[in-house]
């Protein structure tokens, strides 16, 4: 069985970063973690209701992201006539 070293892991991570981009990586990590948790829970027989916790966490993150964005100011002049 081949050994996977740090160089191979770094190459795979760089390829994933190029394919998905930096904005999607946290979402992919969360999805993978949730899937691994569900897999472990199904194997061990633990049936926790983590969906409510995940939904509340996502809602909280969305509201924090909306609050942290500064209001954009728009500068310019108002045009009321069409120019030909």
Protein backbone atom coordinates (compact mmCIF):
# COMPACT_ATOMS: atom_id res chain seq x y z
CA UNK A 1 0.00 0.00 0.00
CA UNK A 2 1.52 3.36 -0.99
CA UNK A 3 2.37 5.86 1.72
CA UNK A 4 0.87 9.32 1.49
CA UNK A 5 3.31 11.96 2.66
CA UNK A 6 3.02 15.69 3.30
CA UNK A 7 4.05 16.55 -0.26
CA UNK A 8 1.21 14.52 -1.76
CA UNK A 9 -1.31 16.04 0.66
CA UNK A 10 -0.07 19.56 -0.22
CA UNK A 11 -0.43 18.85 -3.93
CA UNK A 12 -3.99 17.58 -3.47
CA UNK A 13 -4.91 20.63 -1.35
CA UNK A 14 -3.50 23.01 -3.98
CA UNK A 15 -5.49 21.27 -6.71
CA UNK A 16 -8.67 21.49 -4.60
CA UNK A 17 -8.01 25.19 -3.95
CA UNK A 18 -7.60 25.84 -7.67
CA UNK A 19 -10.75 23.91 -8.60
CA UNK A 20 -13.15 25.20 -5.94
CA UNK A 21 -11.62 28.53 -4.97
CA UNK A 22 -11.07 30.00 -1.50
CA UNK A 23 -14.71 31.03 -0.98
CA UNK A 24 -16.08 27.49 -1.28
CA UNK A 25 -13.47 25.70 0.88
CA UNK A 26 -15.11 26.41 4.28
CA UNK A 27 -18.46 25.20 2.96
CA UNK A 28 -16.86 22.03 1.58
CA UNK A 29 -15.08 21.41 4.88
CA UNK A 30 -18.32 21.80 6.82
CA UNK A 31 -20.10 19.42 4.48
CA UNK A 32 -17.36 16.82 4.77
CA UNK A 33 -17.31 17.10 8.57
CA UNK A 34 -21.09 16.73 8.73
CA UNK A 35 -20.92 13.67 6.47
CA UNK A 36 -18.19 12.05 8.55
CA UNK A 37 -20.18 12.73 11.75
CA UNK A 38 -23.29 11.14 10.24
CA UNK A 39 -21.27 8.15 9.04
CA UNK A 40 -19.72 7.60 12.47
CA UNK A 41 -23.10 8.01 14.14
CA UNK A 42 -24.72 5.46 11.86
CA UNK A 43 -21.95 2.94 12.51
CA UNK A 44 -21.93 3.36 16.30
CA UNK A 45 -25.71 3.59 16.59
CA UNK A 46 -25.78 7.14 17.96
CA UNK A 47 -28.74 9.07 16.59
CA UNK A 48 -28.35 12.68 17.61
CA UNK A 49 -30.49 15.40 16.12
CA UNK A 50 -27.66 17.67 14.91
CA UNK A 51 -29.71 19.13 12.07
CA UNK A 52 -31.26 21.75 14.36
CA UNK A 53 -27.85 22.80 15.67
CA UNK A 54 -26.40 23.05 12.15
CA UNK A 55 -29.41 25.05 10.91
CA UNK A 56 -29.14 27.48 13.84
CA UNK A 57 -25.40 27.86 13.30
CA UNK A 58 -25.90 28.60 9.58
CA UNK A 59 -28.62 31.14 10.38
CA UNK A 60 -26.39 32.85 12.96
CA UNK A 61 -23.45 33.01 10.53
CA UNK A 62 -25.68 34.48 7.83
CA UNK A 63 -27.01 37.17 10.14
CA UNK A 64 -23.50 38.02 11.37
CA UNK A 65 -22.26 38.29 7.79
CA UNK A 66 -25.13 40.63 6.91
CA UNK A 67 -24.43 42.81 9.95
CA UNK A 68 -20.69 43.02 9.37
CA UNK A 69 -20.91 44.39 5.83
CA UNK A 70 -20.61 48.18 5.76
CA UNK A 71 -23.28 50.11 3.93
CA UNK A 72 -22.17 51.10 0.46
CA UNK A 73 -22.47 54.75 -0.42
CA UNK A 74 -23.26 55.68 -3.98
CA UNK A 75 -21.95 58.89 -5.40
CA UNK A 76 -22.98 60.54 -8.62
CA UNK A 77 -25.59 62.79 -10.08
CA UNK A 78 -29.22 62.00 -10.74
CA UNK A 79 -30.15 62.08 -14.41
CA UNK A 80 -33.81 62.75 -15.13
CA UNK A 81 -33.63 63.25 -18.89
CA UNK A 82 -32.54 60.89 -21.62
CA UNK A 83 -29.75 62.23 -23.75
CA UNK A 84 -29.66 61.22 -27.39
